[in-house]
């Protein structure tokens, strides 16, 4: 029997690879959500409508229910245009996805968050808030993905991020162990780890940082 997987954020750095790894698997029925009007492959959805009626919006898209929901949704203040707009994507859209998935029977939620979630600053506070909100929805299992500095190909150009990427890549091998959680990690490796987590049966709330993501992906040192 196929597992019904719901994926949001399939055009991003991590989500696009997760989609590619799952879309052709015979044991998985993948529903990949994309913004209405997007040219990307998937099921077009109005995320504002999702916020207003999570279950009703997802029901026609996933009529057989959902087993596992994966959120790779995320943006930046610069891209979104304001803190309010970023919060709408990183918190409200993700929470609506979780509510709809839970209503349609999902037992597991996998959330791509960030290292330092819940720490100081608007971005980390937002990540901490959505982690807690999703946990409170009552899924049997919640997997919180907290990668360090992600590297990989992006469609958009972020000059300062590219500079930081080169610097951190050079420094990562010599970072003290206590700081390795903040080090560089390839998006492909994170995607591999997420795919390995899909369908895990052990209940509870699990936090996966760089070292655990490397282990799950099979690329541990």
Protein backbone atom coordinates (compact mmCIF):
# COMPACT_ATOMS: atom_id res chain seq x y z
CA UNK A 1 0.00 0.00 0.00
CA UNK A 2 1.36 3.43 -0.96
CA UNK A 3 2.01 6.05 1.69
CA UNK A 4 0.35 9.40 1.03
CA UNK A 5 2.92 12.18 1.36
CA UNK A 6 2.13 15.90 1.29
CA UNK A 7 5.04 18.21 0.44
CA UNK A 8 5.01 22.01 0.57
CA UNK A 9 7.96 24.13 -0.52
CA UNK A 10 9.05 21.88 -3.37
CA UNK A 11 10.65 24.71 -5.36
CA UNK A 12 13.17 25.67 -2.68
CA UNK A 13 16.74 24.60 -2.06
CA UNK A 14 15.80 21.52 -0.01
CA UNK A 15 12.24 20.87 -1.16
CA UNK A 16 13.05 20.48 -4.84
CA UNK A 17 15.47 17.64 -4.07
CA UNK A 18 13.02 15.97 -1.69
CA UNK A 19 10.43 16.05 -4.45
CA UNK A 20 12.80 14.54 -7.00
CA UNK A 21 13.67 11.72 -4.60
CA UNK A 22 10.05 10.88 -3.81
CA UNK A 23 8.09 11.59 -6.98
CA UNK A 24 8.91 8.37 -8.85
CA UNK A 25 8.84 5.95 -5.94
CA UNK A 26 6.24 3.22 -6.37
CA UNK A 27 5.59 3.00 -2.63
CA UNK A 28 4.71 6.69 -2.31
CA UNK A 29 1.79 8.76 -3.53
CA UNK A 30 3.25 12.27 -3.51
CA UNK A 31 1.17 15.44 -3.46
CA UNK A 32 3.48 18.38 -4.07
CA UNK A 33 1.97 21.81 -3.44
CA UNK A 34 3.02 24.89 -5.42
CA UNK A 35 1.75 28.44 -5.36
CA UNK A 36 -1.14 29.14 -7.71
CA UNK A 37 0.30 30.58 -10.90
CA UNK A 38 3.67 28.90 -10.49
CA UNK A 39 5.21 27.22 -13.51
CA UNK A 40 6.62 24.45 -11.30
CA UNK A 41 5.20 20.94 -11.39
CA UNK A 42 2.72 20.15 -8.65
CA UNK A 43 -0.74 20.93 -7.37
CA UNK A 44 -1.45 24.69 -7.48
CA UNK A 45 -2.76 26.04 -4.20
CA UNK A 46 -3.80 29.40 -2.81
CA UNK A 47 -1.98 29.53 0.53
CA UNK A 48 -4.23 32.35 1.74
CA UNK A 49 -7.20 30.07 1.14
CA UNK A 50 -5.33 27.31 2.99
CA UNK A 51 -4.97 29.60 5.99
CA UNK A 52 -8.70 30.25 6.05
CA UNK A 53 -9.85 26.66 5.56
CA UNK A 54 -7.00 24.14 5.91
CA UNK A 55 -8.97 20.89 5.76
CA UNK A 56 -11.40 22.00 3.06
CA UNK A 57 -8.56 23.29 0.87
CA UNK A 58 -6.51 20.09 1.10
CA UNK A 59 -9.37 17.58 0.88
CA UNK A 60 -9.82 17.78 -2.93
CA UNK A 61 -6.04 17.55 -3.41
CA UNK A 62 -5.56 14.56 -1.08
CA UNK A 63 -8.91 12.74 -1.08
CA UNK A 64 -7.36 9.52 0.23
CA UNK A 65 -5.89 11.27 3.25
CA UNK A 66 -2.33 12.03 4.30
CA UNK A 67 0.18 9.88 6.16
CA UNK A 68 3.15 12.26 6.32
CA UNK A 69 3.35 16.01 5.75
CA UNK A 70 6.65 17.72 4.92
CA UNK A 71 7.11 21.48 5.07
CA UNK A 72 10.10 23.01 3.32
CA UNK A 73 8.37 26.38 3.21
CA UNK A 74 10.46 29.39 4.04
CA UNK A 75 11.48 32.82 2.90
CA UNK A 76 13.53 35.81 4.05
CA UNK A 77 12.54 39.32 5.07
CA UNK A 78 14.34 40.63 1.98
CA UNK A 79 12.43 38.33 -0.37
CA UNK A 80 9.08 38.70 1.38
CA UNK A 81 9.43 42.47 1.73
CA UNK A 82 8.68 42.80 5.44
CA UNK A 83 8.69 40.94 8.74
CA UNK A 84 4.92 40.61 8.53
CA UNK A 85 5.09 39.02 5.08
CA UNK A 86 7.87 36.65 6.14
CA UNK A 87 5.92 35.57 9.23
CA UNK A 88 2.92 34.85 7.03
CA UNK A 89 4.94 32.33 5.02
CA UNK A 90 7.20 30.83 7.68
CA UNK A 91 4.57 30.61 10.40
CA UNK A 92 0.99 31.02 9.19
CA UNK A 93 1.27 28.99 5.97
CA UNK A 94 3.16 26.21 7.73
CA UNK A 95 0.66 26.09 10.59
CA UNK A 96 -2.26 25.94 8.14
CA UNK A 97 -0.52 23.08 6.33
CA UNK A 98 -0.11 21.26 9.62
CA UNK A 99 -3.74 21.77 10.62
CA UNK A 100 -5.00 20.52 7.27
CA UNK A 101 -2.69 17.52 7.25
CA UNK A 102 -3.61 16.58 10.80
CA UNK A 103 -7.31 16.80 9.96
CA UNK A 104 -6.75 14.44 7.02
CA UNK A 105 -5.09 11.82 9.21
CA UNK A 106 -1.36 12.60 9.04
CA UNK A 107 0.57 10.99 11.90
CA UNK A 108 3.97 12.55 11.10
CA UNK A 109 5.03 16.11 10.35
CA UNK A 110 8.54 16.93 9.10
CA UNK A 111 9.43 20.62 9.38
CA UNK A 112 12.50 22.30 7.92
CA UNK A 113 13.43 24.91 10.52
CA UNK A 114 16.82 26.42 11.36
CA UNK A 115 19.68 25.97 13.76
CA UNK A 116 19.11 28.26 16.72
CA UNK A 117 15.32 28.19 16.37
CA UNK A 118 13.73 29.98 19.30
CA UNK A 119 16.79 32.17 19.85
CA UNK A 120 17.02 35.97 19.71
CA UNK A 121 16.03 37.92 16.64
CA UNK A 122 12.90 37.94 14.52
CA UNK A 123 13.93 35.10 12.21
CA UNK A 124 14.86 32.65 14.97
CA UNK A 125 11.89 33.67 17.11
CA UNK A 126 9.61 32.89 14.16
CA UNK A 127 11.22 29.48 13.66
CA UNK A 128 10.83 28.67 17.34
CA UNK A 129 7.19 29.75 17.32
CA UNK A 130 6.26 27.54 14.38
CA UNK A 131 8.13 24.57 15.83
CA UNK A 132 6.04 24.85 18.99
CA UNK A 133 2.80 25.48 17.10
CA UNK A 134 3.26 22.38 14.94
CA UNK A 135 4.22 20.27 17.95
CA UNK A 136 1.01 21.37 19.70
CA UNK A 137 -1.18 20.08 16.85
CA UNK A 138 -0.97 16.53 18.20
CA UNK A 139 0.93 14.61 15.54
CA UNK A 140 2.22 11.23 16.73
CA UNK A 141 5.67 12.17 15.50
CA UNK A 142 7.24 15.55 14.72
CA UNK A 143 10.70 15.81 13.14
CA UNK A 144 12.30 19.25 13.36
CA UNK A 145 15.08 19.73 10.81
CA UNK A 146 17.61 22.30 12.01
CA UNK A 147 20.45 22.52 9.49
CA UNK A 148 23.39 24.87 9.84
CA UNK A 149 24.43 27.05 6.90
CA UNK A 150 22.91 25.52 3.79
CA UNK A 151 24.88 25.30 0.57
CA UNK A 152 23.56 24.39 -2.85
CA UNK A 153 22.33 25.89 -6.09
CA UNK A 154 19.69 28.61 -5.84
CA UNK A 155 17.72 30.10 -8.70
CA UNK A 156 18.04 33.56 -7.16
CA UNK A 157 21.37 35.31 -6.63
CA UNK A 158 22.27 36.27 -3.05
CA UNK A 159 25.69 37.93 -3.18
CA UNK A 160 26.39 38.20 0.53
CA UNK A 161 25.13 34.68 1.10
CA UNK A 162 27.53 33.41 -1.56
CA UNK A 163 30.41 35.19 0.17
CA UNK A 164 29.43 33.72 3.53
CA UNK A 165 29.07 30.30 1.95
CA UNK A 166 32.66 30.35 0.67
CA UNK A 167 34.01 31.57 4.00
CA UNK A 168 32.11 29.04 6.10
CA UNK A 169 32.99 26.20 3.75
CA UNK A 170 36.65 26.98 4.34
CA UNK A 171 36.22 27.27 8.11
CA UNK A 172 33.90 24.29 8.74
CA UNK A 173 36.65 21.62 8.93
CA UNK A 174 38.39 23.50 11.75
CA UNK A 175 35.36 24.62 13.76
CA UNK A 176 35.38 23.37 17.39
CA UNK A 177 32.91 20.53 17.88
CA UNK A 178 30.55 22.70 19.94
CA UNK A 179 30.17 25.05 16.96
CA UNK A 180 29.84 22.37 14.28
CA UNK A 181 26.05 22.57 14.47
CA UNK A 182 26.35 26.00 12.81
CA UNK A 183 28.68 24.81 10.06
CA UNK A 184 28.06 24.33 6.36
CA UNK A 185 25.83 21.46 5.28
CA UNK A 186 24.81 20.63 1.68
CA UNK A 187 21.10 20.91 0.92
CA UNK A 188 21.32 17.55 -0.87
CA UNK A 189 22.44 15.89 2.36
CA UNK A 190 19.57 17.47 4.30
CA UNK A 191 17.13 16.27 1.66
CA UNK A 192 18.54 12.74 1.90
CA UNK A 193 17.99 12.81 5.67
CA UNK A 194 14.39 13.98 5.29
CA UNK A 195 13.62 11.16 2.87
CA UNK A 196 15.10 8.68 5.36
CA UNK A 197 12.79 10.05 8.07
CA UNK A 198 9.59 9.67 6.06
CA UNK A 199 7.39 7.05 7.68
CA UNK A 200 9.43 6.58 10.87
CA UNK A 201 7.13 4.95 13.41
CA UNK A 202 8.72 5.92 16.75
CA UNK A 203 6.42 8.52 18.36
CA UNK A 204 7.68 11.76 19.85
CA UNK A 205 9.36 15.05 19.00
CA UNK A 206 12.79 14.80 17.43
CA UNK A 207 15.31 17.56 16.69
CA UNK A 208 17.85 16.89 13.94
CA UNK A 209 20.91 19.13 13.69
CA UNK A 210 23.96 18.83 11.42
CA UNK A 211 25.52 15.74 13.01
CA UNK A 212 22.25 13.81 13.06
CA UNK A 213 21.37 14.90 9.51
CA UNK A 214 24.74 13.63 8.33
CA UNK A 215 24.16 10.32 10.11
CA UNK A 216 20.67 9.91 8.69
CA UNK A 217 21.83 10.69 5.18
CA UNK A 218 24.61 8.13 5.40
CA UNK A 219 27.34 10.78 5.10
CA UNK A 220 28.56 10.95 8.70
CA UNK A 221 32.27 11.47 9.16
